[in-house]
C-alpha atoms as a PDB file:
ATOM      1  CA  MET A   1     131.701 109.335  84.331  1.00  0.00           C
ATOM      2  CA  GLN A   2     128.606 111.348  85.463  1.00  0.00           C
ATOM      3  CA  ASN A   3     127.928 111.058  89.448  1.00  0.00           C
ATOM      4  CA  ALA A   4     125.275 108.647  89.850  1.00  0.00           C
ATOM      5  CA  ALA A   5     123.537 110.855  92.617  1.00  0.00           C
ATOM      6  CA  GLU A   6     123.245 113.670  90.154  1.00  0.00           C
ATOM      7  CA  LEU A   7     121.967 111.522  87.350  1.00  0.00           C
ATOM      8  CA  HIS A   8     119.369 110.123  89.389  1.00  0.00           C
ATOM      9  CA  LYS A   9     118.243 113.477  90.633  1.00  0.00           C
ATOM     10  CA  GLN A  10     117.856 114.774  86.990  1.00  0.00           C
ATOM     11  CA  ALA A  11     116.370 111.573  85.463  1.00  0.00           C
ATOM     12  CA  VAL A  12     112.785 110.831  85.255  1.00  0.00           C
ATOM     13  CA  VAL A  13     112.276 107.717  87.427  1.00  0.00           C
ATOM     14  CA  ILE A  14     109.368 105.484  86.695  1.00  0.00           C
ATOM     15  CA  ASP A  15     108.439 102.252  88.201  1.00  0.00           C
ATOM     16  CA  GLY A  16     106.499 100.087  85.997  1.00  0.00           C
ATOM     17  CA  LEU A  17     104.442  98.139  88.919  1.00  0.00           C
ATOM     18  CA  ILE A  18     104.588  98.532  92.810  1.00  0.00           C
ATOM     19  CA  ILE A  19     101.982  96.760  94.642  1.00  0.00           C
ATOM     20  CA  ALA A  20     102.849  97.716  97.982  1.00  0.00           C
ATOM     21  CA  ASN A  21     100.824  98.515 101.342  1.00  0.00           C
ATOM     22  CA  TRP A  22      99.736 102.184 100.690  1.00  0.00           C
ATOM     23  CA  GLY A  23     100.246 104.810 103.370  1.00  0.00           C
ATOM     24  CA  ARG A  24     102.215 107.580 104.230  1.00  0.00           C
ATOM     25  CA  GLU A  25     105.318 105.442 105.141  1.00  0.00           C
ATOM     26  CA  LEU A  26     105.337 104.115 101.703  1.00  0.00           C
ATOM     27  CA  PHE A  27     105.036 107.632 100.010  1.00  0.00           C
ATOM     28  CA  GLU A  28     108.032 109.026 101.956  1.00  0.00           C
ATOM     29  CA  ASP A  29     110.062 106.235 100.894  1.00  0.00           C
ATOM     30  CA  MET A  30     109.196 106.833  97.384  1.00  0.00           C
ATOM     31  CA  ARG A  31     110.485 110.367  97.744  1.00  0.00           C
ATOM     32  CA  ARG A  32     113.432 109.073  99.656  1.00  0.00           C
ATOM     33  CA  GLY A  33     114.095 106.929  96.349  1.00  0.00           C
ATOM     34  CA  GLY A  34     113.524 109.758  94.053  1.00  0.00           C
ATOM     35  CA  LEU A  35     110.719 108.151  92.375  1.00  0.00           C
ATOM     36  CA  THR A  36     109.003 110.223  89.725  1.00  0.00           C
ATOM     37  CA  ALA A  37     106.134 107.953  89.143  1.00  0.00           C
ATOM     38  CA  ALA A  38     104.917 104.437  89.453  1.00  0.00           C
ATOM     39  CA  ASN A  39     102.227 102.283  88.187  1.00  0.00           C
ATOM     40  CA  CYS A  40     100.178 101.530  91.557  1.00  0.00           C
ATOM     41  CA  THR A  41      98.181  98.167  91.506  1.00  0.00           C
ATOM     42  CA  VAL A  42      94.544  98.776  92.652  1.00  0.00           C
ATOM     43  CA  SER A  43      92.839  95.732  91.438  1.00  0.00           C
ATOM     44  CA  VAL A  44      94.118  92.133  91.463  1.00  0.00           C
ATOM     45  CA  TRP A  45      91.019  89.721  92.326  1.00  0.00           C
ATOM     46  CA  GLU A  46      88.509  92.581  93.238  1.00  0.00           C
ATOM     47  CA  GLY A  47      85.456  93.005  90.841  1.00  0.00           C
ATOM     48  CA  PHE A  48      84.014  96.389  89.883  1.00  0.00           C
ATOM     49  CA  GLN A  49      82.661  97.233  93.214  1.00  0.00           C
ATOM     50  CA  GLY A  50      85.876  96.397  95.260  1.00  0.00           C
ATOM     51  CA  THR A  51      88.014  98.083  92.634  1.00  0.00           C
ATOM     52  CA  VAL A  52      86.218 101.299  92.967  1.00  0.00           C
ATOM     53  CA  ASN A  53      86.182 101.082  96.621  1.00  0.00           C
ATOM     54  CA  ASN A  54      90.087 100.671  96.295  1.00  0.00           C
ATOM     55  CA  ILE A  55      90.440 103.815  94.077  1.00  0.00           C
ATOM     56  CA  ALA A  56      87.956 105.834  96.279  1.00  0.00           C
ATOM     57  CA  ALA A  57      90.828 104.869  99.011  1.00  0.00           C
ATOM     58  CA  PHE A  58      93.588 106.217  96.838  1.00  0.00           C
ATOM     59  CA  ASN A  59      91.673 109.482  95.993  1.00  0.00           C
ATOM     60  CA  ARG A  60      91.723 109.737  99.972  1.00  0.00           C
ATOM     61  CA  HIS A  61      95.707 109.226  99.962  1.00  0.00           C
ATOM     62  CA  PHE A  62      95.771 112.079  97.268  1.00  0.00           C
ATOM     63  CA  GLN A  63      94.100 114.385  99.520  1.00  0.00           C
ATOM     64  CA  GLU A  64      95.991 113.485 102.791  1.00  0.00           C
ATOM     65  CA  HIS A  65      99.464 112.934 101.466  1.00  0.00           C
ATOM     66  CA  ALA A  66      99.405 115.834  98.654  1.00  0.00           C
ATOM     67  CA  ASP A  67     102.711 116.749  99.800  1.00  0.00           C
ATOM     68  CA  LEU A  68     104.285 113.564  98.682  1.00  0.00           C
ATOM     69  CA  ILE A  69     102.027 112.208  95.746  1.00  0.00           C
ATOM     70  CA  ARG A  70      99.843 113.544  93.161  1.00  0.00           C
ATOM     71  CA  PRO A  71      97.600 111.499  90.431  1.00  0.00           C
ATOM     72  CA  VAL A  72      98.871 110.993  86.969  1.00  0.00           C
ATOM     73  CA  ARG A  73      96.692 110.883  83.774  1.00  0.00           C
ATOM     74  CA  THR A  74      99.073 112.078  81.245  1.00  0.00           C
ATOM     75  CA  THR A  75     102.820 112.275  80.855  1.00  0.00           C
ATOM     76  CA  THR A  76     102.775 115.955  81.310  1.00  0.00           C
ATOM     77  CA  ASP A  77     101.402 114.975  84.896  1.00  0.00           C
ATOM     78  CA  ILE A  78     104.701 112.907  85.450  1.00  0.00           C
ATOM     79  CA  LEU A  79     106.836 115.754  84.405  1.00  0.00           C
ATOM     80  CA  LYS A  80     104.986 117.897  86.848  1.00  0.00           C
ATOM     81  CA  ALA A  81     105.718 115.550  89.470  1.00  0.00           C
ATOM     82  CA  LYS A  82     109.298 115.835  88.601  1.00  0.00           C
ATOM     83  CA  GLU A  83     109.093 119.716  89.230  1.00  0.00           C
ATOM     84  CA  GLU A  84     107.044 119.387  92.178  1.00  0.00           C
ATOM     85  CA  GLY A  85     109.069 117.059  94.018  1.00  0.00           C
ATOM     86  CA  ARG A  86     106.180 114.840  94.209  1.00  0.00           C
ATOM     87  CA  THR A  87     105.526 111.069  93.073  1.00  0.00           C
ATOM     88  CA  GLY A  88     102.988 110.643  90.509  1.00  0.00           C
ATOM     89  CA  VAL A  89     100.694 107.865  90.804  1.00  0.00           C
ATOM     90  CA  ILE A  90      99.104 105.788  87.669  1.00  0.00           C
ATOM     91  CA  LEU A  91      96.533 103.849  88.950  1.00  0.00           C
ATOM     92  CA  GLY A  92      96.729 100.236  87.364  1.00  0.00           C
ATOM     93  CA  PHE A  93      95.038  96.809  87.361  1.00  0.00           C
ATOM     94  CA  GLN A  94      96.724  93.480  87.626  1.00  0.00           C
ATOM     95  CA  ASN A  95      93.784  91.879  86.528  1.00  0.00           C
ATOM     96  CA  ALA A  96      90.675  92.703  83.770  1.00  0.00           C
ATOM     97  CA  HIS A  97      88.398  91.157  86.165  1.00  0.00           C
ATOM     98  CA  ALA A  98      87.042  94.465  87.190  1.00  0.00           C
ATOM     99  CA  PHE A  99      85.796  95.467  83.804  1.00  0.00           C
ATOM    100  CA  GLU A 100      83.481  92.093  84.551  1.00  0.00           C
ATOM    101  CA  ASP A 101      81.527  91.619  81.315  1.00  0.00           C
ATOM    102  CA  GLN A 102      80.965  95.273  80.633  1.00  0.00           C
ATOM    103  CA  LEU A 103      82.768  96.894  77.872  1.00  0.00           C
ATOM    104  CA  GLY A 104      81.710 100.201  79.100  1.00  0.00           C
ATOM    105  CA  TYR A 105      83.392 100.014  82.330  1.00  0.00           C
ATOM    106  CA  VAL A 106      86.868 100.172  80.465  1.00  0.00           C
ATOM    107  CA  GLU A 107      85.916 103.535  80.097  1.00  0.00           C
ATOM    108  CA  ILE A 108      84.772 104.382  83.254  1.00  0.00           C
ATOM    109  CA  PHE A 109      87.845 103.377  84.856  1.00  0.00           C
ATOM    110  CA  LYS A 110      89.813 105.292  82.345  1.00  0.00           C
ATOM    111  CA  GLN A 111      87.679 108.294  83.609  1.00  0.00           C
ATOM    112  CA  LEU A 112      88.579 107.191  87.342  1.00  0.00           C
ATOM    113  CA  GLY A 113      92.315 107.612  86.416  1.00  0.00           C
ATOM    114  CA  VAL A 114      93.440 103.785  85.245  1.00  0.00           C
ATOM    115  CA  GLY A 115      96.230 103.955  82.886  1.00  0.00           C
ATOM    116  CA  ILE A 116      97.494 100.446  82.734  1.00  0.00           C
ATOM    117  CA  VAL A 117      95.498  97.268  82.972  1.00  0.00           C
ATOM    118  CA  GLN A 118      96.916  93.468  82.932  1.00  0.00           C
ATOM    119  CA  MET A 119      94.851  91.390  80.877  1.00  0.00           C
ATOM    120  CA  ALA A 120      94.765  88.425  83.275  1.00  0.00           C
ATOM    121  CA  TYR A 121      96.244  87.555  86.767  1.00  0.00           C
ATOM    122  CA  ASN A 122      97.761  84.082  86.740  1.00  0.00           C
ATOM    123  CA  THR A 123      94.533  82.187  85.721  1.00  0.00           C
ATOM    124  CA  GLN A 124      91.606  82.364  83.145  1.00  0.00           C
ATOM    125  CA  ASN A 125      89.140  85.280  83.135  1.00  0.00           C
ATOM    126  CA  LEU A 126      86.619  86.627  80.568  1.00  0.00           C
ATOM    127  CA  VAL A 127      89.438  88.100  78.339  1.00  0.00           C
ATOM    128  CA  GLY A 128      91.910  85.602  78.308  1.00  0.00           C
ATOM    129  CA  THR A 129      94.221  83.092  80.337  1.00  0.00           C
ATOM    130  CA  GLY A 130      97.101  83.736  82.928  1.00  0.00           C
ATOM    131  CA  CYS A 131     100.177  81.935  82.950  1.00  0.00           C
ATOM    132  CA  TYR A 132      99.425  78.997  85.735  1.00  0.00           C
ATOM    133  CA  GLU A 133      96.721  77.637  83.451  1.00  0.00           C
ATOM    134  CA  ARG A 134      96.222  75.879  80.165  1.00  0.00           C
ATOM    135  CA  ASP A 135      96.024  78.803  77.644  1.00  0.00           C
ATOM    136  CA  GLY A 136      93.109  79.076  75.371  1.00  0.00           C
ATOM    137  CA  GLY A 137      94.051  82.549  74.182  1.00  0.00           C
ATOM    138  CA  LEU A 138      92.276  85.793  73.682  1.00  0.00           C
ATOM    139  CA  SER A 139      88.534  85.313  73.870  1.00  0.00           C
ATOM    140  CA  GLY A 140      86.207  87.234  71.308  1.00  0.00           C
ATOM    141  CA  PHE A 141      85.145  89.596  74.329  1.00  0.00           C
ATOM    142  CA  GLY A 142      88.966  89.772  74.912  1.00  0.00           C
ATOM    143  CA  ARG A 143      89.369  91.370  71.435  1.00  0.00           C
ATOM    144  CA  GLU A 144      86.530  94.046  72.087  1.00  0.00           C
ATOM    145  CA  VAL A 145      88.166  94.898  75.560  1.00  0.00           C
ATOM    146  CA  VAL A 146      91.684  95.372  73.635  1.00  0.00           C
ATOM    147  CA  ALA A 147      90.006  97.441  70.913  1.00  0.00           C
ATOM    148  CA  GLU A 148      88.361  99.848  73.693  1.00  0.00           C
ATOM    149  CA  MET A 149      91.420  99.932  75.770  1.00  0.00           C
ATOM    150  CA  ASN A 150      93.101 101.265  72.698  1.00  0.00           C
ATOM    151  CA  ARG A 151      90.296 103.592  71.936  1.00  0.00           C
ATOM    152  CA  VAL A 152      90.475 105.245  75.485  1.00  0.00           C
ATOM    153  CA  GLY A 153      93.970 104.972  76.311  1.00  0.00           C
ATOM    154  CA  ILE A 154      94.634 102.113  78.526  1.00  0.00           C
ATOM    155  CA  MET A 155      97.828 100.240  78.318  1.00  0.00           C
ATOM    156  CA  CYS A 156      97.555  96.470  77.989  1.00  0.00           C
ATOM    157  CA  ASP A 157      99.808  94.634  80.470  1.00  0.00           C
ATOM    158  CA  LEU A 158     100.870  91.005  79.631  1.00  0.00           C
ATOM    159  CA  SER A 159     103.116  90.108  82.939  1.00  0.00           C
ATOM    160  CA  HIS A 160     100.896  87.561  84.527  1.00  0.00           C
ATOM    161  CA  VAL A 161      99.340  86.242  81.067  1.00  0.00           C
ATOM    162  CA  GLY A 162      99.661  83.217  79.286  1.00  0.00           C
ATOM    163  CA  ALA A 163     101.971  82.730  76.344  1.00  0.00           C
ATOM    164  CA  GLN A 164      99.022  82.346  73.551  1.00  0.00           C
ATOM    165  CA  THR A 165      96.968  85.029  74.769  1.00  0.00           C
ATOM    166  CA  SER A 166      99.870  87.188  75.096  1.00  0.00           C
ATOM    167  CA  LYS A 167     100.656  86.699  71.608  1.00  0.00           C
ATOM    168  CA  GLU A 168      97.089  87.249  70.431  1.00  0.00           C
ATOM    169  CA  VAL A 169      97.109  90.621  72.445  1.00  0.00           C
ATOM    170  CA  ILE A 170     100.463  91.747  70.884  1.00  0.00           C
ATOM    171  CA  LEU A 171      98.886  91.172  67.540  1.00  0.00           C
ATOM    172  CA  GLU A 172      95.438  92.438  68.185  1.00  0.00           C
ATOM    173  CA  SER A 173      96.437  95.795  69.809  1.00  0.00           C
ATOM    174  CA  LYS A 174      96.682  98.745  67.592  1.00  0.00           C
ATOM    175  CA  LYS A 175      98.938 100.265  70.450  1.00  0.00           C
ATOM    176  CA  PRO A 176     102.239  99.315  72.320  1.00  0.00           C
ATOM    177  CA  VAL A 177     101.573  96.600  75.041  1.00  0.00           C
ATOM    178  CA  CYS A 178     104.080  95.697  77.814  1.00  0.00           C
ATOM    179  CA  TYR A 179     105.332  93.113  80.213  1.00  0.00           C
ATOM    180  CA  SER A 180     105.331  95.752  83.096  1.00  0.00           C
ATOM    181  CA  HIS A 181     107.203  93.552  85.354  1.00  0.00           C
ATOM    182  CA  CYS A 182     108.830  90.355  84.154  1.00  0.00           C
ATOM    183  CA  LEU A 183     112.142  88.621  84.077  1.00  0.00           C
ATOM    184  CA  PRO A 184     113.908  86.352  81.334  1.00  0.00           C
ATOM    185  CA  ALA A 185     113.484  82.699  81.561  1.00  0.00           C
ATOM    186  CA  GLY A 186     116.993  82.670  79.753  1.00  0.00           C
ATOM    187  CA  LEU A 187     118.300  83.175  83.403  1.00  0.00           C
ATOM    188  CA  LYS A 188     115.742  81.104  85.403  1.00  0.00           C
ATOM    189  CA  ASP A 189     113.024  78.933  84.141  1.00  0.00           C
ATOM    190  CA  HIS A 190     109.839  79.609  86.161  1.00  0.00           C
ATOM    191  CA  PRO A 191     105.984  79.923  84.565  1.00  0.00           C
ATOM    192  CA  ARG A 192     106.023  83.710  85.335  1.00  0.00           C
ATOM    193  CA  ASN A 193     109.429  84.546  83.255  1.00  0.00           C
ATOM    194  CA  LYS A 194     109.358  85.070  79.372  1.00  0.00           C
ATOM    195  CA  SER A 195     111.551  83.274  77.021  1.00  0.00           C
ATOM    196  CA  ASP A 196     113.766  85.041  74.604  1.00  0.00           C
ATOM    197  CA  GLU A 197     111.464  84.322  71.687  1.00  0.00           C
ATOM    198  CA  GLU A 198     108.568  86.076  73.913  1.00  0.00           C
ATOM    199  CA  LEU A 199     110.621  88.994  74.746  1.00  0.00           C
ATOM    200  CA  ARG A 200     111.713  89.477  71.321  1.00  0.00           C
ATOM    201  CA  PHE A 201     108.291  89.025  69.686  1.00  0.00           C
ATOM    202  CA  ILE A 202     106.789  91.942  71.824  1.00  0.00           C
ATOM    203  CA  ALA A 203     109.688  94.428  71.044  1.00  0.00           C
ATOM    204  CA  ASP A 204     109.279  93.674  67.160  1.00  0.00           C
ATOM    205  CA  HIS A 205     105.782  94.550  67.586  1.00  0.00           C
ATOM    206  CA  GLY A 206     106.491  97.816  69.145  1.00  0.00           C
ATOM    207  CA  GLY A 207     105.852  96.596  72.562  1.00  0.00           C
ATOM    208  CA  PHE A 208     107.726  97.342  76.096  1.00  0.00           C
ATOM    209  CA  VAL A 209     109.241  95.324  78.708  1.00  0.00           C
ATOM    210  CA  GLY A 210     109.727  96.365  82.248  1.00  0.00           C
ATOM    211  CA  VAL A 211     112.239  94.197  84.088  1.00  0.00           C
ATOM    212  CA  THR A 212     111.390  93.119  87.737  1.00  0.00           C
ATOM    213  CA  MET A 213     113.476  92.042  90.809  1.00  0.00           C
ATOM    214  CA  PHE A 214     110.982  89.803  92.482  1.00  0.00           C
ATOM    215  CA  ALA A 215     113.363  87.484  94.199  1.00  0.00           C
ATOM    216  CA  PRO A 216     111.499  83.911  93.588  1.00  0.00           C
ATOM    217  CA  PHE A 217     111.949  84.738  89.784  1.00  0.00           C
ATOM    218  CA  LEU A 218     115.576  85.925  89.705  1.00  0.00           C
ATOM    219  CA  LYS A 219     118.219  83.314  89.313  1.00  0.00           C
ATOM    220  CA  ASN A 220     119.847  83.356  92.664  1.00  0.00           C
ATOM    221  CA  GLY A 221     116.237  83.727  94.182  1.00  0.00           C
ATOM    222  CA  ILE A 222     116.578  85.348  97.996  1.00  0.00           C
ATOM    223  CA  ASN A 223     120.484  85.649  97.821  1.00  0.00           C
ATOM    224  CA  SER A 224     120.194  87.684  94.806  1.00  0.00           C
ATOM    225  CA  THR A 225     121.699  91.339  95.101  1.00  0.00           C
ATOM    226  CA  ILE A 226     121.261  94.389  92.979  1.00  0.00           C
ATOM    227  CA  ASP A 227     123.995  92.995  90.515  1.00  0.00           C
ATOM    228  CA  ASP A 228     121.672  90.063  89.925  1.00  0.00           C
ATOM    229  CA  TYR A 229     118.903  92.407  89.103  1.00  0.00           C
ATOM    230  CA  VAL A 230     121.229  94.588  86.619  1.00  0.00           C
ATOM    231  CA  GLU A 231     122.348  91.136  84.954  1.00  0.00           C
ATOM    232  CA  ALA A 232     118.723  90.708  84.027  1.00  0.00           C
ATOM    233  CA  ILE A 233     118.071  94.168  82.920  1.00  0.00           C
ATOM    234  CA  ALA A 234     121.546  93.754  80.643  1.00  0.00           C
ATOM    235  CA  TYR A 235     120.051  90.361  79.334  1.00  0.00           C
ATOM    236  CA  VAL A 236     116.707  91.726  78.188  1.00  0.00           C
ATOM    237  CA  MET A 237     118.446  94.743  76.966  1.00  0.00           C
ATOM    238  CA  GLU A 238     120.562  92.801  74.455  1.00  0.00           C
ATOM    239  CA  LEU A 239     117.134  91.006  73.058  1.00  0.00           C
ATOM    240  CA  VAL A 240     114.767  94.182  72.921  1.00  0.00           C
ATOM    241  CA  GLY A 241     117.027  97.002  72.546  1.00  0.00           C
ATOM    242  CA  GLU A 242     117.730 100.082  74.558  1.00  0.00           C
ATOM    243  CA  ASP A 243     114.545 101.707  73.528  1.00  0.00           C
ATOM    244  CA  ALA A 244     111.788  99.119  74.625  1.00  0.00           C
ATOM    245  CA  ILE A 245     113.008  98.532  78.287  1.00  0.00           C
ATOM    246  CA  GLY A 246     112.266  99.997  81.728  1.00  0.00           C
ATOM    247  CA  ILE A 247     111.803  99.278  85.217  1.00  0.00           C
ATOM    248  CA  GLY A 248     109.044  97.354  87.060  1.00  0.00           C
ATOM    249  CA  THR A 249     110.076  96.046  90.451  1.00  0.00           C
ATOM    250  CA  ASP A 250     106.847  94.464  91.734  1.00  0.00           C
ATOM    251  CA  PHE A 251     107.812  95.899  95.112  1.00  0.00           C
ATOM    252  CA  THR A 252     105.369  94.470  97.820  1.00  0.00           C
ATOM    253  CA  GLN A 253     106.712  96.666 100.490  1.00  0.00           C
ATOM    254  CA  GLY A 254     104.665  96.587 103.790  1.00  0.00           C
ATOM    255  CA  HIS A 255     102.573  93.571 103.196  1.00  0.00           C
ATOM    256  CA  ASP A 256     102.358  90.517 105.339  1.00  0.00           C
ATOM    257  CA  GLN A 257     101.999  86.941 104.679  1.00  0.00           C
ATOM    258  CA  ASN A 258      98.143  86.935 104.387  1.00  0.00           C
ATOM    259  CA  PHE A 259      98.592  89.438 101.571  1.00  0.00           C
ATOM    260  CA  PHE A 260     100.691  86.584  99.477  1.00  0.00           C
ATOM    261  CA  GLU A 261      98.124  84.014 100.704  1.00  0.00           C
ATOM    262  CA  TRP A 262      95.505  86.333  98.782  1.00  0.00           C
ATOM    263  CA  LEU A 263      97.629  86.940  95.663  1.00  0.00           C
ATOM    264  CA  THR A 264      98.852  83.142  95.042  1.00  0.00           C
ATOM    265  CA  HIS A 265      95.094  81.525  95.478  1.00  0.00           C
ATOM    266  CA  ASP A 266      92.853  81.500  92.416  1.00  0.00           C
ATOM    267  CA  LYS A 267      90.380  84.534  92.998  1.00  0.00           C
ATOM    268  CA  GLY A 268      92.110  85.254  96.098  1.00  0.00           C
ATOM    269  CA  TYR A 269      90.627  82.114  98.005  1.00  0.00           C
ATOM    270  CA  ALA A 270      90.500  79.063  95.554  1.00  0.00           C
ATOM    271  CA  ARG A 271      93.052  76.782  94.758  1.00  0.00           C
ATOM    272  CA  ARG A 272      96.622  77.526  95.540  1.00  0.00           C
ATOM    273  CA  LEU A 273      98.517  78.583  92.119  1.00  0.00           C
ATOM    274  CA  THR A 274     102.156  78.959  93.507  1.00  0.00           C
ATOM    275  CA  ARG A 275     104.290  79.040  96.642  1.00  0.00           C
ATOM    276  CA  PHE A 276     106.540  81.986  96.709  1.00  0.00           C
ATOM    277  CA  GLY A 277     108.472  80.862  99.857  1.00  0.00           C
ATOM    278  CA  GLU A 278     110.360  83.685 101.809  1.00  0.00           C
ATOM    279  CA  ILE A 279     110.215  87.064  99.831  1.00  0.00           C
ATOM    280  CA  ILE A 280     113.386  88.936 100.379  1.00  0.00           C
ATOM    281  CA  ASN A 281     114.157  91.706  97.927  1.00  0.00           C
ATOM    282  CA  PRO A 282     117.838  91.678  96.374  1.00  0.00           C
ATOM    283  CA  GLU A 283     120.578  93.201  98.605  1.00  0.00           C
ATOM    284  CA  GLY A 284     120.848  96.912  97.540  1.00  0.00           C
ATOM    285  CA  ILE A 285     117.378  97.486  96.777  1.00  0.00           C
ATOM    286  CA  ARG A 286     115.687  96.139  99.552  1.00  0.00           C
ATOM    287  CA  THR A 287     113.268  99.198  99.999  1.00  0.00           C
ATOM    288  CA  ILE A 288     111.646 101.762  97.324  1.00  0.00           C
ATOM    289  CA  GLY A 289     114.151 104.446  99.209  1.00  0.00           C
ATOM    290  CA  GLU A 290     116.975 102.553  98.011  1.00  0.00           C
ATOM    291  CA  PHE A 291     116.252 103.431  94.180  1.00  0.00           C
ATOM    292  CA  PRO A 292     119.400 105.580  93.637  1.00  0.00           C
ATOM    293  CA  ASN A 293     121.600 102.483  94.191  1.00  0.00           C
ATOM    294  CA  LEU A 294     119.942 101.098  91.103  1.00  0.00           C
ATOM    295  CA  THR A 295     121.199 104.056  88.916  1.00  0.00           C
ATOM    296  CA  GLU A 296     124.553 103.539  90.523  1.00  0.00           C
ATOM    297  CA  ALA A 297     124.521  99.875  89.788  1.00  0.00           C
ATOM    298  CA  LEU A 298     123.889 100.207  86.064  1.00  0.00           C
ATOM    299  CA  LEU A 299     126.476 102.975  85.669  1.00  0.00           C
ATOM    300  CA  ARG A 300     128.782 100.611  87.270  1.00  0.00           C
ATOM    301  CA  HIS A 301     127.858  97.800  84.884  1.00  0.00           C
ATOM    302  CA  GLY A 302     128.716  99.907  81.998  1.00  0.00           C
ATOM    303  CA  PHE A 303     125.585 101.127  81.045  1.00  0.00           C
ATOM    304  CA  SER A 304     125.781 104.950  79.378  1.00  0.00           C
ATOM    305  CA  PRO A 305     124.245 108.076  81.290  1.00  0.00           C
ATOM    306  CA  ARG A 306     122.012 107.913  78.202  1.00  0.00           C
ATOM    307  CA  GLN A 307     120.913 104.242  78.472  1.00  0.00           C
ATOM    308  CA  VAL A 308     120.401 104.862  82.158  1.00  0.00           C
ATOM    309  CA  GLU A 309     118.213 107.678  81.667  1.00  0.00           C
ATOM    310  CA  LYS A 310     116.352 105.528  79.201  1.00  0.00           C
ATOM    311  CA  VAL A 311     115.968 102.527  81.540  1.00  0.00           C
ATOM    312  CA  MET A 312     115.116 104.406  84.293  1.00  0.00           C
ATOM    313  CA  GLY A 313     112.140 106.101  83.011  1.00  0.00           C
ATOM    314  CA  GLY A 314     112.447 107.785  79.765  1.00  0.00           C
ATOM    315  CA  ASN A 315     111.362 104.550  77.659  1.00  0.00           C
ATOM    316  CA  TRP A 316     108.056 104.437  79.952  1.00  0.00           C
ATOM    317  CA  MET A 317     107.735 108.393  79.214  1.00  0.00           C
ATOM    318  CA  ARG A 318     107.741 107.730  75.388  1.00  0.00           C
ATOM    319  CA  VAL A 319     105.440 104.422  75.231  1.00  0.00           C
ATOM    320  CA  LEU A 320     102.864 105.930  77.678  1.00  0.00           C
ATOM    321  CA  LYS A 321     102.730 109.037  75.824  1.00  0.00           C
ATOM    322  CA  ASP A 322     101.717 107.010  72.620  1.00  0.00           C
ATOM    323  CA  VAL A 323      99.401 104.614  74.214  1.00  0.00           C
ATOM    324  CA  TRP A 324      97.416 107.463  76.376  1.00  0.00           C
ATOM    325  CA  GLY A 325      97.012 109.165  72.912  1.00  0.00           C
ATOM    326  CA  GLU A 326      98.705 112.375  73.796  1.00  0.00           C
END
């Protein structure tokens, strides 16, 4: 059997969703974990201006921590990051709210380096509906947003999106779409988890599933271990196949309770949508620096080295290349 450490070192390792407290300490941990690239959230409840400010802040990180991170606009940039021993950062949104009501902003954000955008975050926006609200489906404007995202090369993400809106985006999009960070409802019933049927549907339409390890959505909650995470990955792979699956941890590393309060209230301040309770990542992968443990755990659970390489980042590479029109 191939040595796990060697396999991790040679693999392209991509995390489909990190929403951490950005800074040098975090970027150092990404290097410790051997992370080649990650979809890094720069917008949740912010509008256009607030999101541009967040991107400007990340541009400063690119300058100040150029020894650790680099911007990613293409999959070639991801391969360069691998060669350079840096972590490539894909700027991403968890809400289309920053597009406001301007289709032209989609391309503006693409030009600023945004590669993945989730269509809604938990609640209703101008595009469609999130997973904590009665779902009215994709709006007419939302259809135009999907077409524009397809045109400029931004991936549609549906992780926090309602079932009906998700289905309509999957059917509307001419390019593969994703659940960048989700878990199966088959292992734990939760509004944020996706049914077997939903997981099969996205895969059958050329889409992609990133599996998260966010403890509140895992079967054993805060008592989960890396093995529970691997169980969820295996469960999803059984449904979608070994080519449509990847990692999307949803690491919230370095954030305090105030941040979670902001996330769990609509628009960041209005009604409470959910309570996560205590958040403790699964034992064995509590920090981004422990990423090599995941490669080891997948091998231990009987995944072949080839499957491990696909799950850890190979599949993300292929689908991003398609969506980004390379």
